[in-house]
Amino acid sequence: MSSIAFDTHAFVKDLTRAGMTEEQAEVLARSQATLIDEKLATKQDLKELVARLCRGMKELELRLTLRLGSMMVVAIGVVAVLVKLL
């Protein structure tokens, strides 16, 4: 995943101004930065996912078309044989 800009320094400063100790604020900032980097998807991540899904759907469509065509050929062959025999 692509990383998202997260200003840990400003985050720590805000937390210390609000009364949190600097050590606690730094630990929280590191945790938040890790969470953002590992768990959040960016617009680019979503675009890549959509592109992969579209490619997969096109491959699936081709496979299904070929399978349906094959089934139709077999069905027509069976009907032709039955018409000849009956």
N, C-alpha and C. Protein backbone atom coordinates (compact mmCIF):
# COMPACT_ATOMS: atom_id res chain seq x y z
N MET A 1 0.83 -1.18 0.00
CA MET A 1 0.00 0.00 0.00
C MET A 1 0.87 1.25 0.00
N SER A 2 0.33 2.29 -0.54
CA SER A 2 1.02 3.56 -0.52
C SER A 2 0.87 4.18 0.85
N SER A 3 1.88 4.93 1.27
CA SER A 3 1.79 5.52 2.60
C SER A 3 1.06 6.86 2.53
N ILE A 4 0.40 7.17 3.62
CA ILE A 4 -0.33 8.42 3.76
C ILE A 4 0.49 9.32 4.67
N ALA A 5 0.58 10.59 4.31
CA ALA A 5 1.36 11.53 5.12
C ALA A 5 0.67 11.73 6.48
N PHE A 6 1.42 11.49 7.54
CA PHE A 6 0.92 11.69 8.90
C PHE A 6 2.02 12.38 9.69
N ASP A 7 1.76 13.59 10.13
CA ASP A 7 2.76 14.38 10.84
C ASP A 7 2.79 13.97 12.31
N THR A 8 3.68 13.04 12.62
CA THR A 8 3.75 12.54 14.00
C THR A 8 4.25 13.62 14.96
N HIS A 9 5.13 14.49 14.47
CA HIS A 9 5.67 15.54 15.33
C HIS A 9 4.54 16.49 15.78
N ALA A 10 3.74 16.93 14.86
CA ALA A 10 2.62 17.81 15.21
C ALA A 10 1.62 17.09 16.11
N PHE A 11 1.41 15.81 15.85
CA PHE A 11 0.50 15.01 16.67
C PHE A 11 0.99 14.94 18.12
N VAL A 12 2.30 14.69 18.28
CA VAL A 12 2.89 14.64 19.62
C VAL A 12 2.78 16.00 20.30
N LYS A 13 3.07 17.06 19.59
CA LYS A 13 2.97 18.41 20.16
C LYS A 13 1.54 18.71 20.63
N ASP A 14 0.55 18.36 19.81
CA ASP A 14 -0.85 18.59 20.18
C ASP A 14 -1.22 17.81 21.45
N LEU A 15 -0.77 16.56 21.51
CA LEU A 15 -1.09 15.74 22.68
C LEU A 15 -0.41 16.25 23.94
N THR A 16 0.83 16.69 23.82
CA THR A 16 1.53 17.20 25.01
C THR A 16 0.91 18.52 25.46
N ARG A 17 0.47 19.35 24.54
CA ARG A 17 -0.23 20.59 24.92
C ARG A 17 -1.54 20.29 25.64
N ALA A 18 -2.15 19.16 25.30
CA ALA A 18 -3.43 18.78 25.91
C ALA A 18 -3.23 18.11 27.27
N GLY A 19 -1.97 17.89 27.68
CA GLY A 19 -1.71 17.35 29.01
C GLY A 19 -1.12 15.95 29.05
N MET A 20 -0.92 15.33 27.93
CA MET A 20 -0.33 13.99 27.91
C MET A 20 1.19 14.12 28.02
N THR A 21 1.82 13.12 28.64
CA THR A 21 3.27 13.16 28.73
C THR A 21 3.86 12.94 27.33
N GLU A 22 5.08 13.44 27.14
CA GLU A 22 5.70 13.32 25.82
C GLU A 22 5.92 11.86 25.44
N GLU A 23 6.31 11.03 26.41
CA GLU A 23 6.53 9.61 26.14
C GLU A 23 5.24 8.92 25.70
N GLN A 24 4.15 9.20 26.40
CA GLN A 24 2.85 8.62 26.01
C GLN A 24 2.43 9.10 24.62
N ALA A 25 2.64 10.37 24.36
CA ALA A 25 2.26 10.94 23.07
C ALA A 25 3.07 10.32 21.94
N GLU A 26 4.37 10.07 22.17
CA GLU A 26 5.21 9.46 21.15
C GLU A 26 4.79 8.03 20.85
N VAL A 27 4.46 7.28 21.91
CA VAL A 27 3.99 5.91 21.71
C VAL A 27 2.70 5.90 20.91
N LEU A 28 1.78 6.78 21.27
CA LEU A 28 0.51 6.87 20.55
C LEU A 28 0.73 7.29 19.10
N ALA A 29 1.64 8.23 18.88
CA ALA A 29 1.93 8.69 17.51
C ALA A 29 2.50 7.56 16.66
N ARG A 30 3.41 6.78 17.24
CA ARG A 30 3.97 5.63 16.51
C ARG A 30 2.88 4.63 16.18
N SER A 31 2.01 4.36 17.14
CA SER A 31 0.92 3.41 16.91
C SER A 31 -0.01 3.90 15.82
N GLN A 32 -0.35 5.17 15.85
CA GLN A 32 -1.23 5.74 14.83
C GLN A 32 -0.57 5.70 13.45
N ALA A 33 0.72 6.02 13.38
CA ALA A 33 1.43 6.00 12.10
C ALA A 33 1.46 4.59 11.53
N THR A 34 1.70 3.60 12.39
CA THR A 34 1.71 2.20 11.94
C THR A 34 0.33 1.79 11.45
N LEU A 35 -0.69 2.14 12.19
CA LEU A 35 -2.06 1.82 11.81
C LEU A 35 -2.40 2.44 10.46
N ILE A 36 -2.06 3.68 10.27
CA ILE A 36 -2.35 4.37 9.01
C ILE A 36 -1.60 3.72 7.85
N ASP A 37 -0.32 3.43 8.05
CA ASP A 37 0.48 2.85 6.97
C ASP A 37 0.02 1.44 6.60
N GLU A 38 -0.41 0.65 7.59
CA GLU A 38 -0.72 -0.76 7.33
C GLU A 38 -2.18 -1.03 7.00
N LYS A 39 -3.09 -0.21 7.47
CA LYS A 39 -4.51 -0.56 7.37
C LYS A 39 -5.34 0.32 6.45
N LEU A 40 -4.92 1.52 6.15
CA LEU A 40 -5.74 2.40 5.33
C LEU A 40 -5.38 2.29 3.86
N ALA A 41 -6.39 2.30 3.02
CA ALA A 41 -6.18 2.24 1.57
C ALA A 41 -6.22 3.65 1.01
N THR A 42 -5.35 3.91 0.07
CA THR A 42 -5.34 5.21 -0.61
C THR A 42 -6.20 5.11 -1.87
N LYS A 43 -6.43 6.25 -2.51
CA LYS A 43 -7.17 6.25 -3.76
C LYS A 43 -6.45 5.39 -4.80
N GLN A 44 -5.13 5.46 -4.82
CA GLN A 44 -4.34 4.67 -5.77
C GLN A 44 -4.52 3.18 -5.50
N ASP A 45 -4.54 2.78 -4.22
CA ASP A 45 -4.77 1.38 -3.87
C ASP A 45 -6.12 0.91 -4.41
N LEU A 46 -7.13 1.74 -4.25
CA LEU A 46 -8.47 1.39 -4.72
C LEU A 46 -8.53 1.31 -6.24
N LYS A 47 -7.84 2.23 -6.93
CA LYS A 47 -7.80 2.18 -8.39
C LYS A 47 -7.14 0.90 -8.88
N GLU A 48 -6.04 0.50 -8.22
CA GLU A 48 -5.36 -0.74 -8.61
C GLU A 48 -6.26 -1.95 -8.36
N LEU A 49 -6.99 -1.94 -7.27
CA LEU A 49 -7.90 -3.04 -6.96
C LEU A 49 -9.01 -3.13 -8.01
N VAL A 50 -9.57 -2.00 -8.40
CA VAL A 50 -10.62 -1.99 -9.42
C VAL A 50 -10.07 -2.52 -10.74
N ALA A 51 -8.86 -2.11 -11.10
CA ALA A 51 -8.24 -2.58 -12.35
C ALA A 51 -8.06 -4.10 -12.32
N ARG A 52 -7.58 -4.64 -11.19
CA ARG A 52 -7.40 -6.09 -11.07
C ARG A 52 -8.74 -6.81 -11.15
N LEU A 53 -9.75 -6.27 -10.52
CA LEU A 53 -11.07 -6.89 -10.55
C LEU A 53 -11.65 -6.87 -11.97
N CYS A 54 -11.45 -5.77 -12.68
CA CYS A 54 -11.94 -5.69 -14.06
C CYS A 54 -11.26 -6.73 -14.94
N ARG A 55 -9.94 -6.88 -14.78
CA ARG A 55 -9.22 -7.89 -15.57
C ARG A 55 -9.76 -9.28 -15.24
N GLY A 56 -9.99 -9.55 -13.97
CA GLY A 56 -10.51 -10.84 -13.56
C GLY A 56 -11.90 -11.10 -14.12
N MET A 57 -12.73 -10.06 -14.14
CA MET A 57 -14.08 -10.21 -14.68
C MET A 57 -14.04 -10.49 -16.18
N LYS A 58 -13.11 -9.83 -16.90
CA LYS A 58 -13.00 -10.06 -18.34
C LYS A 58 -12.54 -11.49 -18.63
N GLU A 59 -11.61 -12.00 -17.82
CA GLU A 59 -11.16 -13.38 -17.98
C GLU A 59 -12.30 -14.35 -17.70
N LEU A 60 -13.06 -14.07 -16.66
CA LEU A 60 -14.20 -14.92 -16.31
C LEU A 60 -15.25 -14.89 -17.41
N GLU A 61 -15.51 -13.71 -17.96
CA GLU A 61 -16.48 -13.59 -19.05
C GLU A 61 -16.05 -14.42 -20.26
N LEU A 62 -14.76 -14.38 -20.59
CA LEU A 62 -14.26 -15.16 -21.72
C LEU A 62 -14.43 -16.65 -21.46
N ARG A 63 -14.07 -17.09 -20.26
CA ARG A 63 -14.21 -18.52 -19.93
C ARG A 63 -15.66 -18.97 -20.00
N LEU A 64 -16.57 -18.14 -19.48
CA LEU A 64 -17.98 -18.51 -19.51
C LEU A 64 -18.53 -18.53 -20.94
N THR A 65 -18.08 -17.59 -21.77
CA THR A 65 -18.51 -17.56 -23.17
C THR A 65 -18.05 -18.83 -23.89
N LEU A 66 -16.80 -19.21 -23.66
CA LEU A 66 -16.28 -20.42 -24.30
C LEU A 66 -17.04 -21.66 -23.80
N ARG A 67 -17.32 -21.71 -22.54
CA ARG A 67 -18.03 -22.86 -21.98
C ARG A 67 -19.45 -22.93 -22.54
N LEU A 68 -20.15 -21.80 -22.61
CA LEU A 68 -21.50 -21.78 -23.16
C LEU A 68 -21.49 -22.18 -24.63
N GLY A 69 -20.52 -21.67 -25.38
CA GLY A 69 -20.40 -22.04 -26.79
C GLY A 69 -20.20 -23.53 -26.96
N SER A 70 -19.34 -24.10 -26.12
CA SER A 70 -19.10 -25.55 -26.19
C SER A 70 -20.36 -26.33 -25.88
N MET A 71 -21.10 -25.89 -24.89
CA MET A 71 -22.34 -26.58 -24.53
C MET A 71 -23.36 -26.49 -25.66
N MET A 72 -23.40 -25.35 -26.33
CA MET A 72 -24.35 -25.20 -27.45
C MET A 72 -23.97 -26.12 -28.61
N VAL A 73 -22.69 -26.24 -28.90
CA VAL A 73 -22.23 -27.12 -29.97
C VAL A 73 -22.61 -28.56 -29.66
N VAL A 74 -22.38 -28.98 -28.43
CA VAL A 74 -22.73 -30.35 -28.02
C VAL A 74 -24.23 -30.55 -28.11
N ALA A 75 -25.01 -29.58 -27.63
CA ALA A 75 -26.47 -29.72 -27.66
C ALA A 75 -26.98 -29.81 -29.10
N ILE A 76 -26.44 -28.98 -29.99
CA ILE A 76 -26.85 -29.04 -31.39
C ILE A 76 -26.48 -30.38 -32.00
N GLY A 77 -25.32 -30.89 -31.66
CA GLY A 77 -24.89 -32.21 -32.15
C GLY A 77 -25.82 -33.31 -31.67
N VAL A 78 -26.21 -33.26 -30.40
CA VAL A 78 -27.12 -34.26 -29.85
C VAL A 78 -28.47 -34.19 -30.54
N VAL A 79 -28.98 -32.98 -30.75
CA VAL A 79 -30.26 -32.82 -31.43
C VAL A 79 -30.16 -33.35 -32.86
N ALA A 80 -29.08 -33.07 -33.55
CA ALA A 80 -28.90 -33.55 -34.93
C ALA A 80 -28.89 -35.06 -34.97
N VAL A 81 -28.20 -35.69 -34.04
CA VAL A 81 -28.15 -37.15 -33.99
C VAL A 81 -29.53 -37.72 -33.70
N LEU A 82 -30.26 -37.11 -32.77
CA LEU A 82 -31.60 -37.60 -32.45
C LEU A 82 -32.55 -37.46 -33.63
N VAL A 83 -32.42 -36.34 -34.38
CA VAL A 83 -33.27 -36.14 -35.55
C VAL A 83 -32.99 -37.22 -36.61
N LYS A 84 -31.73 -37.56 -36.79
CA LYS A 84 -31.35 -38.60 -37.76
C LYS A 84 -31.88 -39.96 -37.34
N LEU A 85 -31.81 -40.25 -36.04
CA LEU A 85 -32.22 -41.57 -35.55
C LEU A 85 -33.73 -41.68 -35.49
N LEU A 86 -34.41 -40.63 -35.22
CA LEU A 86 -35.86 -40.71 -35.07
C LEU A 86 -36.45 -40.31 -36.35
